[in-house]
PDB file of N, CA and C in Angstrom:
ATOM      1  N   UNK A   1      -0.707 -33.640   2.563  1.00  0.00           N
ATOM      2  CA  UNK A   1       0.279 -33.398   2.279  1.00  0.00           C
ATOM      3  C   UNK A   1       0.190 -31.981   0.824  1.00  0.00           C
ATOM      4  N   UNK A   2      -0.787 -32.401   0.250  1.00  0.00           N
ATOM      5  CA  UNK A   2      -1.070 -31.237  -0.946  1.00  0.00           C
ATOM      6  C   UNK A   2      -1.201 -29.948  -0.616  1.00  0.00           C
ATOM      7  N   UNK A   3      -2.104 -29.927   0.536  1.00  0.00           N
ATOM      8  CA  UNK A   3      -2.192 -28.519   1.075  1.00  0.00           C
ATOM      9  C   UNK A   3      -1.042 -27.953   1.824  1.00  0.00           C
ATOM     10  N   UNK A   4      -0.076 -28.882   2.281  1.00  0.00           N
ATOM     11  CA  UNK A   4       1.228 -28.353   3.010  1.00  0.00           C
ATOM     12  C   UNK A   4       2.127 -27.714   1.866  1.00  0.00           C
ATOM     13  N   UNK A   5       2.129 -28.294   0.633  1.00  0.00           N
ATOM     14  CA  UNK A   5       2.847 -27.741  -0.839  1.00  0.00           C
ATOM     15  C   UNK A   5       2.400 -26.443  -1.038  1.00  0.00           C
ATOM     16  N   UNK A   6       1.103 -26.453  -1.030  1.00  0.00           N
ATOM     17  CA  UNK A   6       0.376 -25.274  -1.531  1.00  0.00           C
ATOM     18  C   UNK A   6       0.631 -24.063  -0.808  1.00  0.00           C
ATOM     19  N   UNK A   7       0.376 -24.367   0.742  1.00  0.00           N
ATOM     20  CA  UNK A   7       0.579 -23.155   1.675  1.00  0.00           C
ATOM     21  C   UNK A   7       2.055 -22.721   1.659  1.00  0.00           C
ATOM     22  N   UNK A   8       3.302 -23.815   1.554  1.00  0.00           N
ATOM     23  CA  UNK A   8       4.377 -23.433   1.682  1.00  0.00           C
ATOM     24  C   UNK A   8       4.862 -22.552   0.275  1.00  0.00           C
ATOM     25  N   UNK A   9       4.101 -23.229  -0.857  1.00  0.00           N
ATOM     26  CA  UNK A   9       4.348 -22.056  -2.084  1.00  0.00           C
ATOM     27  C   UNK A   9       4.014 -20.445  -1.995  1.00  0.00           C
ATOM     28  N   UNK A  10       2.782 -20.470  -1.410  1.00  0.00           N
ATOM     29  CA  UNK A  10       2.036 -19.285  -1.031  1.00  0.00           C
ATOM     30  C   UNK A  10       2.662 -18.300  -0.133  1.00  0.00           C
ATOM     31  N   UNK A  11       3.605 -19.262   0.858  1.00  0.00           N
ATOM     32  CA  UNK A  11       4.405 -18.365   1.739  1.00  0.00           C
ATOM     33  C   UNK A  11       5.603 -17.716   1.093  1.00  0.00           C
ATOM     34  N   UNK A  12       6.095 -18.550   0.200  1.00  0.00           N
ATOM     35  CA  UNK A  12       7.183 -18.269  -0.697  1.00  0.00           C
ATOM     36  C   UNK A  12       7.186 -16.815  -1.350  1.00  0.00           C
ATOM     37  N   UNK A  13       5.791 -16.386  -1.719  1.00  0.00           N
ATOM     38  CA  UNK A  13       5.599 -15.107  -2.690  1.00  0.00           C
ATOM     39  C   UNK A  13       5.368 -14.037  -1.737  1.00  0.00           C
ATOM     40  N   UNK A  14       5.127 -14.294  -0.376  1.00  0.00           N
ATOM     41  CA  UNK A  14       5.011 -13.039   0.637  1.00  0.00           C
ATOM     42  C   UNK A  14       6.218 -11.905   0.507  1.00  0.00           C
ATOM     43  N   UNK A  15       7.293 -12.112   0.431  1.00  0.00           N
ATOM     44  CA  UNK A  15       8.403 -10.982   0.220  1.00  0.00           C
ATOM     45  C   UNK A  15       8.360 -10.624  -1.174  1.00  0.00           C
ATOM     46  N   UNK A  16       7.944 -11.631  -2.094  1.00  0.00           N
ATOM     47  CA  UNK A  16       7.966 -10.926  -3.475  1.00  0.00           C
ATOM     48  C   UNK A  16       6.755  -9.826  -3.815  1.00  0.00           C
ATOM     49  N   UNK A  17       5.603 -10.220  -2.960  1.00  0.00           N
ATOM     50  CA  UNK A  17       4.567  -9.394  -3.016  1.00  0.00           C
ATOM     51  C   UNK A  17       4.873  -8.092  -2.461  1.00  0.00           C
ATOM     52  N   UNK A  18       5.525  -8.072  -1.074  1.00  0.00           N
ATOM     53  CA  UNK A  18       6.316  -6.957  -0.619  1.00  0.00           C
ATOM     54  C   UNK A  18       7.084  -5.933  -1.461  1.00  0.00           C
ATOM     55  N   UNK A  19       8.062  -6.409  -2.169  1.00  0.00           N
ATOM     56  CA  UNK A  19       8.798  -5.934  -3.177  1.00  0.00           C
ATOM     57  C   UNK A  19       8.051  -5.226  -4.379  1.00  0.00           C
ATOM     58  N   UNK A  20       7.102  -6.262  -4.750  1.00  0.00           N
ATOM     59  CA  UNK A  20       6.256  -5.669  -5.952  1.00  0.00           C
ATOM     60  C   UNK A  20       5.371  -4.284  -5.493  1.00  0.00           C
ATOM     61  N   UNK A  21       5.045  -4.369  -4.268  1.00  0.00           N
ATOM     62  CA  UNK A  21       4.359  -3.363  -3.963  1.00  0.00           C
ATOM     63  C   UNK A  21       5.205  -2.054  -3.535  1.00  0.00           C
ATOM     64  N   UNK A  22       6.334  -2.028  -3.431  1.00  0.00           N
ATOM     65  CA  UNK A  22       7.317  -1.043  -3.458  1.00  0.00           C
ATOM     66  C   UNK A  22       7.673  -0.632  -4.878  1.00  0.00           C
ATOM     67  N   UNK A  23       8.040  -1.729  -5.476  1.00  0.00           N
ATOM     68  CA  UNK A  23       7.998  -1.449  -6.994  1.00  0.00           C
ATOM     69  C   UNK A  23       7.003  -0.773  -7.659  1.00  0.00           C
ATOM     70  N   UNK A  24       5.564  -1.168  -7.025  1.00  0.00           N
ATOM     71  CA  UNK A  24       4.469  -0.269  -7.686  1.00  0.00           C
ATOM     72  C   UNK A  24       4.243   1.039  -7.142  1.00  0.00           C
ATOM     73  N   UNK A  25       4.839   1.341  -5.930  1.00  0.00           N
ATOM     74  CA  UNK A  25       4.992   2.816  -5.844  1.00  0.00           C
ATOM     75  C   UNK A  25       5.929   3.403  -6.494  1.00  0.00           C
ATOM     76  N   UNK A  26       6.924   3.074  -6.625  1.00  0.00           N
ATOM     77  CA  UNK A  26       8.158   3.542  -7.684  1.00  0.00           C
ATOM     78  C   UNK A  26       7.717   3.788  -8.882  1.00  0.00           C
ATOM     79  N   UNK A  27       6.982   2.778  -9.551  1.00  0.00           N
ATOM     80  CA  UNK A  27       6.182   3.016 -10.957  1.00  0.00           C
ATOM     81  C   UNK A  27       5.098   3.914 -10.890  1.00  0.00           C
ATOM     82  N   UNK A  28       4.425   3.993  -9.645  1.00  0.00           N
ATOM     83  CA  UNK A  28       3.334   5.111  -9.903  1.00  0.00           C
ATOM     84  C   UNK A  28       3.924   6.580  -9.663  1.00  0.00           C
ATOM     85  N   UNK A  29       5.135   6.633  -9.221  1.00  0.00           N
ATOM     86  CA  UNK A  29       5.552   7.957  -8.841  1.00  0.00           C
ATOM     87  C   UNK A  29       5.083   8.368  -7.471  1.00  0.00           C
ATOM     88  N   UNK A  30       4.587   7.459  -6.583  1.00  0.00           N
ATOM     89  CA  UNK A  30       4.490   7.697  -5.072  1.00  0.00           C
ATOM     90  C   UNK A  30       5.714   8.375  -4.443  1.00  0.00           C
ATOM     91  N   UNK A  31       6.783   7.818  -4.656  1.00  0.00           N
ATOM     92  CA  UNK A  31       7.993   8.424  -4.039  1.00  0.00           C
ATOM     93  C   UNK A  31       8.263   9.947  -4.308  1.00  0.00           C
ATOM     94  N   UNK A  32       7.725  10.137  -5.407  1.00  0.00           N
ATOM     95  CA  UNK A  32       7.923  11.749  -5.830  1.00  0.00           C
ATOM     96  C   UNK A  32       7.305  12.701  -4.819  1.00  0.00           C
ATOM     97  N   UNK A  33       6.341  12.425  -4.069  1.00  0.00           N
ATOM     98  CA  UNK A  33       5.938  13.298  -2.666  1.00  0.00           C
ATOM     99  C   UNK A  33       6.209  12.287  -1.440  1.00  0.00           C
ATOM    100  N   UNK A  34       5.950  11.277  -1.530  1.00  0.00           N
ATOM    101  CA  UNK A  34       6.264  10.318   0.101  1.00  0.00           C
ATOM    102  C   UNK A  34       7.619   9.543   0.099  1.00  0.00           C
ATOM    103  N   UNK A  35       8.630  10.214  -0.909  1.00  0.00           N
ATOM    104  CA  UNK A  35      10.016   9.610  -0.275  1.00  0.00           C
ATOM    105  C   UNK A  35      10.592  10.623   0.360  1.00  0.00           C
ATOM    106  N   UNK A  36      12.130  10.679   0.558  1.00  0.00           N
ATOM    107  CA  UNK A  36      12.921  11.186   1.319  1.00  0.00           C
ATOM    108  C   UNK A  36      13.947  12.462   0.451  1.00  0.00           C
ATOM    109  N   UNK A  37      13.656  13.537   0.624  1.00  0.00           N
ATOM    110  CA  UNK A  37      12.589  14.167   1.362  1.00  0.00           C
ATOM    111  C   UNK A  37      11.366  14.228   0.961  1.00  0.00           C
ATOM    112  N   UNK A  38      10.250  14.063   1.716  1.00  0.00           N
ATOM    113  CA  UNK A  38       8.856  14.493   0.929  1.00  0.00           C
ATOM    114  C   UNK A  38       8.629  15.787   0.536  1.00  0.00           C
ATOM    115  N   UNK A  39       7.852  15.986  -0.398  1.00  0.00           N
ATOM    116  CA  UNK A  39       7.163  17.103  -1.200  1.00  0.00           C
ATOM    117  C   UNK A  39       5.934  17.737  -0.599  1.00  0.00           C
ATOM    118  N   UNK A  40       5.736  18.648  -0.599  1.00  0.00           N
ATOM    119  CA  UNK A  40       4.459  19.542  -0.076  1.00  0.00           C
ATOM    120  C   UNK A  40       4.091  19.121   1.041  1.00  0.00           C
ATOM    121  N   UNK A  41       4.874  18.591   1.802  1.00  0.00           N
ATOM    122  CA  UNK A  41       4.272  18.553   3.186  1.00  0.00           C
ATOM    123  C   UNK A  41       3.467  16.959   3.292  1.00  0.00           C
ATOM    124  N   UNK A  42       3.817  16.167   2.349  1.00  0.00           N
ATOM    125  CA  UNK A  42       2.960  14.781   2.110  1.00  0.00           C
ATOM    126  C   UNK A  42       3.907  14.075   3.224  1.00  0.00           C
ATOM    127  N   UNK A  43       3.263  12.936   3.966  1.00  0.00           N
ATOM    128  CA  UNK A  43       3.860  12.057   4.756  1.00  0.00           C
ATOM    129  C   UNK A  43       4.506  11.139   4.178  1.00  0.00           C
ATOM    130  N   UNK A  44       6.200  10.764   4.648  1.00  0.00           N
ATOM    131  CA  UNK A  44       6.824   9.668   4.059  1.00  0.00           C
ATOM    132  C   UNK A  44       6.123   8.278   4.327  1.00  0.00           C
ATOM    133  N   UNK A  45       6.592   7.470   3.607  1.00  0.00           N
ATOM    134  CA  UNK A  45       6.233   5.898   3.534  1.00  0.00           C
ATOM    135  C   UNK A  45       6.235   5.460   5.244  1.00  0.00           C
ATOM    136  N   UNK A  46       7.418   5.478   5.636  1.00  0.00           N
ATOM    137  CA  UNK A  46       7.183   4.992   7.081  1.00  0.00           C
ATOM    138  C   UNK A  46       6.263   5.857   7.929  1.00  0.00           C
ATOM    139  N   UNK A  47       6.159   7.308   7.704  1.00  0.00           N
ATOM    140  CA  UNK A  47       5.078   7.930   8.601  1.00  0.00           C
ATOM    141  C   UNK A  47       3.716   7.183   8.112  1.00  0.00           C
ATOM    142  N   UNK A  48       3.577   6.868   7.057  1.00  0.00           N
ATOM    143  CA  UNK A  48       2.207   6.394   6.464  1.00  0.00           C
ATOM    144  C   UNK A  48       1.942   5.056   7.287  1.00  0.00           C
ATOM    145  N   UNK A  49       3.234   4.121   7.300  1.00  0.00           N
ATOM    146  CA  UNK A  49       3.060   2.784   8.145  1.00  0.00           C
ATOM    147  C   UNK A  49       2.916   3.203   9.473  1.00  0.00           C
ATOM    148  N   UNK A  50       3.277   4.049   9.897  1.00  0.00           N
ATOM    149  CA  UNK A  50       3.134   4.357  11.339  1.00  0.00           C
ATOM    150  C   UNK A  50       1.516   4.650  11.898  1.00  0.00           C
ATOM    151  N   UNK A  51       1.121   5.229  10.870  1.00  0.00           N
ATOM    152  CA  UNK A  51      -0.317   5.772  11.090  1.00  0.00           C
ATOM    153  C   UNK A  51      -1.254   4.928  10.989  1.00  0.00           C
ATOM    154  N   UNK A  52      -0.762   4.172   9.816  1.00  0.00           N
ATOM    155  CA  UNK A  52      -2.069   3.268   9.369  1.00  0.00           C
ATOM    156  C   UNK A  52      -1.948   1.421   9.911  1.00  0.00           C
ATOM    157  N   UNK A  53      -0.715   1.381  10.873  1.00  0.00           N
ATOM    158  CA  UNK A  53      -0.451   0.103  11.589  1.00  0.00           C
ATOM    159  C   UNK A  53      -1.875  -0.175  12.338  1.00  0.00           C
ATOM    160  N   UNK A  54      -2.333   1.032  12.912  1.00  0.00           N
ATOM    161  CA  UNK A  54      -3.678  -0.045  13.553  1.00  0.00           C
ATOM    162  C   UNK A  54      -4.784  -0.695  12.799  1.00  0.00           C
ATOM    163  N   UNK A  55      -4.456  -0.608  11.264  1.00  0.00           N
ATOM    164  CA  UNK A  55      -5.653  -1.410  10.522  1.00  0.00           C
ATOM    165  C   UNK A  55      -4.757  -2.976  10.434  1.00  0.00           C
ATOM    166  N   UNK A  56      -3.869  -3.278  10.853  1.00  0.00           N
ATOM    167  CA  UNK A  56      -3.441  -4.878  10.786  1.00  0.00           C
ATOM    168  C   UNK A  56      -3.972  -5.439  11.223  1.00  0.00           C
ATOM    169  N   UNK A  57      -4.212  -6.413  10.574  1.00  0.00           N
ATOM    170  CA  UNK A  57      -5.320  -7.638  11.049  1.00  0.00           C
ATOM    171  C   UNK A  57      -6.935  -7.362  10.797  1.00  0.00           C
ATOM    172  N   UNK A  58      -6.818  -6.407  10.081  1.00  0.00           N
ATOM    173  CA  UNK A  58      -8.404  -6.275   9.642  1.00  0.00           C
ATOM    174  C   UNK A  58      -8.309  -6.029   8.181  1.00  0.00           C
ATOM    175  N   UNK A  59      -8.653  -7.607   7.787  1.00  0.00           N
ATOM    176  CA  UNK A  59      -8.804  -7.846   6.135  1.00  0.00           C
ATOM    177  C   UNK A  59      -9.500  -6.966   5.224  1.00  0.00           C
ATOM    178  N   UNK A  60     -10.513  -6.264   5.796  1.00  0.00           N
ATOM    179  CA  UNK A  60     -11.297  -5.268   4.818  1.00  0.00           C
ATOM    180  C   UNK A  60     -10.691  -3.947   4.670  1.00  0.00           C
ATOM    181  N   UNK A  61      -9.958  -3.425   5.758  1.00  0.00           N
ATOM    182  CA  UNK A  61      -9.099  -2.296   5.915  1.00  0.00           C
ATOM    183  C   UNK A  61      -8.478  -1.882   4.313  1.00  0.00           C
ATOM    184  N   UNK A  62      -7.651  -2.635   3.722  1.00  0.00           N
ATOM    185  CA  UNK A  62      -6.879  -2.236   2.481  1.00  0.00           C
ATOM    186  C   UNK A  62      -7.812  -1.392   1.708  1.00  0.00           C
ATOM    187  N   UNK A  63      -8.998  -2.537   1.507  1.00  0.00           N
ATOM    188  CA  UNK A  63      -9.988  -2.348   0.095  1.00  0.00           C
ATOM    189  C   UNK A  63     -10.809  -0.975   0.690  1.00  0.00           C
ATOM    190  N   UNK A  64     -11.045  -0.777   1.978  1.00  0.00           N
ATOM    191  CA  UNK A  64     -12.138   0.471   2.292  1.00  0.00           C
ATOM    192  C   UNK A  64     -10.981   1.646   2.216  1.00  0.00           C
ATOM    193  N   UNK A  65      -9.895   1.440   2.810  1.00  0.00           N
ATOM    194  CA  UNK A  65      -8.910   2.634   2.731  1.00  0.00           C
ATOM    195  C   UNK A  65      -8.563   3.332   1.327  1.00  0.00           C
ATOM    196  N   UNK A  66      -8.263   2.226   0.305  1.00  0.00           N
ATOM    197  CA  UNK A  66      -8.420   2.339  -1.147  1.00  0.00           C
ATOM    198  C   UNK A  66      -9.297   3.136  -1.513  1.00  0.00           C
ATOM    199  N   UNK A  67     -10.202   2.733  -1.581  1.00  0.00           N
ATOM    200  CA  UNK A  67     -11.544   3.381  -1.978  1.00  0.00           C
ATOM    201  C   UNK A  67     -11.696   4.737  -1.592  1.00  0.00           C
ATOM    202  N   UNK A  68     -11.312   4.970  -0.069  1.00  0.00           N
ATOM    203  CA  UNK A  68     -11.633   6.358   0.325  1.00  0.00           C
ATOM    204  C   UNK A  68     -10.204   7.534  -0.291  1.00  0.00           C
ATOM    205  N   UNK A  69      -9.075   6.619  -0.539  1.00  0.00           N
ATOM    206  CA  UNK A  69      -7.978   7.503  -1.162  1.00  0.00           C
ATOM    207  C   UNK A  69      -8.476   7.837  -2.693  1.00  0.00           C
ATOM    208  N   UNK A  70      -8.854   6.964  -3.334  1.00  0.00           N
ATOM    209  CA  UNK A  70      -9.256   7.077  -4.723  1.00  0.00           C
ATOM    210  C   UNK A  70     -10.214   8.617  -4.993  1.00  0.00           C
ATOM    211  N   UNK A  71     -11.443   8.004  -3.675  1.00  0.00           N
ATOM    212  CA  UNK A  71     -12.407   9.056  -3.760  1.00  0.00           C
ATOM    213  C   UNK A  71     -12.088  10.555  -3.189  1.00  0.00           C
ATOM    214  N   UNK A  72     -10.890  10.659  -2.902  1.00  0.00           N
ATOM    215  CA  UNK A  72     -10.393  11.955  -1.979  1.00  0.00           C
ATOM    216  C   UNK A  72     -10.996  12.426  -0.715  1.00  0.00           C
ATOM    217  N   UNK A  73     -11.570  11.175  -0.196  1.00  0.00           N
ATOM    218  CA  UNK A  73     -11.757  11.553   1.445  1.00  0.00           C
ATOM    219  C   UNK A  73     -11.004  11.337   2.347  1.00  0.00           C
ATOM    220  N   UNK A  74      -9.558  11.045   1.887  1.00  0.00           N
ATOM    221  CA  UNK A  74      -8.450  11.001   3.074  1.00  0.00           C
ATOM    222  C   UNK A  74      -7.670  12.181   3.062  1.00  0.00           C
ATOM    223  N   UNK A  75      -7.229  12.644   1.940  1.00  0.00           N
ATOM    224  CA  UNK A  75      -6.249  13.777   2.142  1.00  0.00           C
ATOM    225  C   UNK A  75      -6.907  14.752   1.147  1.00  0.00           C
ATOM    226  N   UNK A  76      -8.031  14.778   0.584  1.00  0.00           N
ATOM    227  CA  UNK A  76      -8.662  15.535  -0.272  1.00  0.00           C
ATOM    228  C   UNK A  76      -8.324  15.071  -1.822  1.00  0.00           C
ATOM    229  N   UNK A  77      -8.717  15.860  -2.618  1.00  0.00           N
ATOM    230  CA  UNK A  77      -8.648  15.296  -3.957  1.00  0.00           C
ATOM    231  C   UNK A  77      -7.233  15.364  -4.598  1.00  0.00           C
ATOM    232  N   UNK A  78      -6.387  14.374  -4.751  1.00  0.00           N
ATOM    233  CA  UNK A  78      -5.164  14.378  -5.065  1.00  0.00           C
ATOM    234  C   UNK A  78      -4.932  13.566  -6.350  1.00  0.00           C
ATOM    235  N   UNK A  79      -4.896  14.281  -7.666  1.00  0.00           N
ATOM    236  CA  UNK A  79      -4.929  13.652  -9.052  1.00  0.00           C
ATOM    237  C   UNK A  79      -4.399  12.284  -8.766  1.00  0.00           C
ATOM    238  N   UNK A  80      -3.170  12.100  -8.688  1.00  0.00           N
ATOM    239  CA  UNK A  80      -2.130  10.866  -8.584  1.00  0.00           C
ATOM    240  C   UNK A  80      -2.799   9.922  -7.980  1.00  0.00           C
ATOM    241  N   UNK A  81      -3.450  10.270  -6.476  1.00  0.00           N
ATOM    242  CA  UNK A  81      -4.104   8.949  -5.933  1.00  0.00           C
ATOM    243  C   UNK A  81      -5.594   8.741  -6.677  1.00  0.00           C
ATOM    244  N   UNK A  82      -6.350   9.581  -7.411  1.00  0.00           N
ATOM    245  CA  UNK A  82      -7.295   9.130  -8.010  1.00  0.00           C
ATOM    246  C   UNK A  82      -6.930   8.308  -9.477  1.00  0.00           C
ATOM    247  N   UNK A  83      -6.003   8.359  -9.945  1.00  0.00           N
ATOM    248  CA  UNK A  83      -5.574   7.923 -11.169  1.00  0.00           C
ATOM    249  C   UNK A  83      -5.102   6.305 -10.806  1.00  0.00           C
ATOM    250  N   UNK A  84      -4.717   6.072  -9.775  1.00  0.00           N
ATOM    251  CA  UNK A  84      -4.395   4.597  -9.491  1.00  0.00           C
ATOM    252  C   UNK A  84      -5.501   3.790  -9.396  1.00  0.00           C
ATOM    253  N   UNK A  85      -5.403   2.589 -10.029  1.00  0.00           N
ATOM    254  CA  UNK A  85      -6.693   1.744 -10.264  1.00  0.00           C
ATOM    255  C   UNK A  85      -7.018   0.938  -8.923  1.00  0.00           C
ATOM    256  N   UNK A  86      -8.107   0.719  -8.601  1.00  0.00           N
ATOM    257  CA  UNK A  86      -8.827   0.142  -7.509  1.00  0.00           C
ATOM    258  C   UNK A  86      -7.834  -0.831  -6.946  1.00  0.00           C
ATOM    259  N   UNK A  87      -7.417  -1.785  -7.922  1.00  0.00           N
ATOM    260  CA  UNK A  87      -6.781  -3.113  -7.523  1.00  0.00           C
ATOM    261  C   UNK A  87      -5.097  -2.499  -7.031  1.00  0.00           C
ATOM    262  N   UNK A  88      -4.552  -1.606  -7.745  1.00  0.00           N
ATOM    263  CA  UNK A  88      -3.140  -1.216  -7.283  1.00  0.00           C
ATOM    264  C   UNK A  88      -3.314  -0.398  -5.995  1.00  0.00           C
ATOM    265  N   UNK A  89      -4.355   0.392  -5.936  1.00  0.00           N
ATOM    266  CA  UNK A  89      -4.520   1.068  -4.651  1.00  0.00           C
ATOM    267  C   UNK A  89      -4.614   0.607  -3.483  1.00  0.00           C
ATOM    268  N   UNK A  90      -5.521  -0.845  -3.817  1.00  0.00           N
ATOM    269  CA  UNK A  90      -5.229  -1.758  -2.466  1.00  0.00           C
ATOM    270  C   UNK A  90      -4.158  -2.235  -2.334  1.00  0.00           C
ATOM    271  N   UNK A  91      -3.474  -2.828  -3.238  1.00  0.00           N
ATOM    272  CA  UNK A  91      -2.077  -3.341  -3.175  1.00  0.00           C
ATOM    273  C   UNK A  91      -1.089  -2.304  -2.206  1.00  0.00           C
ATOM    274  N   UNK A  92      -1.295  -1.114  -2.623  1.00  0.00           N
ATOM    275  CA  UNK A  92      -0.509  -0.104  -2.147  1.00  0.00           C
ATOM    276  C   UNK A  92      -0.743   0.167  -0.602  1.00  0.00           C
ATOM    277  N   UNK A  93      -2.086   0.218  -0.437  1.00  0.00           N
ATOM    278  CA  UNK A  93      -2.697   0.306   0.903  1.00  0.00           C
ATOM    279  C   UNK A  93      -2.244  -0.987   2.103  1.00  0.00           C
ATOM    280  N   UNK A  94      -2.254  -2.027   1.330  1.00  0.00           N
ATOM    281  CA  UNK A  94      -1.652  -3.197   2.094  1.00  0.00           C
ATOM    282  C   UNK A  94      -0.297  -3.177   2.492  1.00  0.00           C
ATOM    283  N   UNK A  95       0.390  -2.742   1.628  1.00  0.00           N
ATOM    284  CA  UNK A  95       1.936  -2.699   1.709  1.00  0.00           C
ATOM    285  C   UNK A  95       2.033  -1.644   2.709  1.00  0.00           C
ATOM    286  N   UNK A  96       1.594  -0.532   2.770  1.00  0.00           N
ATOM    287  CA  UNK A  96       1.427   0.522   4.071  1.00  0.00           C
ATOM    288  C   UNK A  96       1.060   0.205   5.359  1.00  0.00           C
ATOM    289  N   UNK A  97      -0.047  -0.633   5.491  1.00  0.00           N
ATOM    290  CA  UNK A  97      -0.579  -1.139   6.767  1.00  0.00           C
ATOM    291  C   UNK A  97       0.497  -2.102   7.028  1.00  0.00           C
ATOM    292  N   UNK A  98       0.971  -2.796   6.148  1.00  0.00           N
ATOM    293  CA  UNK A  98       2.010  -3.917   6.636  1.00  0.00           C
ATOM    294  C   UNK A  98       3.367  -3.463   6.838  1.00  0.00           C
ATOM    295  N   UNK A  99       3.460  -2.213   6.710  1.00  0.00           N
ATOM    296  CA  UNK A  99       4.767  -1.290   7.492  1.00  0.00           C
ATOM    297  C   UNK A  99       5.724  -0.814   6.296  1.00  0.00           C
ATOM    298  N   UNK A 100       5.305  -0.834   4.798  1.00  0.00           N
ATOM    299  CA  UNK A 100       5.959  -0.221   3.784  1.00  0.00           C
ATOM    300  C   UNK A 100       7.273  -0.591   3.753  1.00  0.00           C
ATOM    301  N   UNK A 101       7.461  -1.830   3.924  1.00  0.00           N
ATOM    302  CA  UNK A 101       8.949  -2.352   4.032  1.00  0.00           C
ATOM    303  C   UNK A 101       9.414  -2.885   2.547  1.00  0.00           C
TER     304      UNK A 101
END
C-alpha cells in the first residue's frame, strides 16, 4: 500500500514537470530562437520534438544529447546552449524528446 501511494504521488508530478520544462525554456530565452516565428533558421520546438521523438524510451538519451548540445557538437557552438547548466539542459532535452508539450 505504501508503494502505491508513493507511485501515485510521483505520477501526479508528471504534468508539473512538463510545465516546469516549458517554463524553463521560457526563462532561459529558448523561445527567442525556437518560438513562433523561429529566428535565424532555428527549428521550432515542435520541429525539434518530431526530430528527437526517435529517442523516446532511451533513458540515457536526454543526458547524452544534453552533453552534446552544451559542447557544441549538435548544432555548432551556440553560446546560449553552452550557458545552460548540465541539469537544466537535460531537463530541456527530456521535455523535447517527450514532445515539448
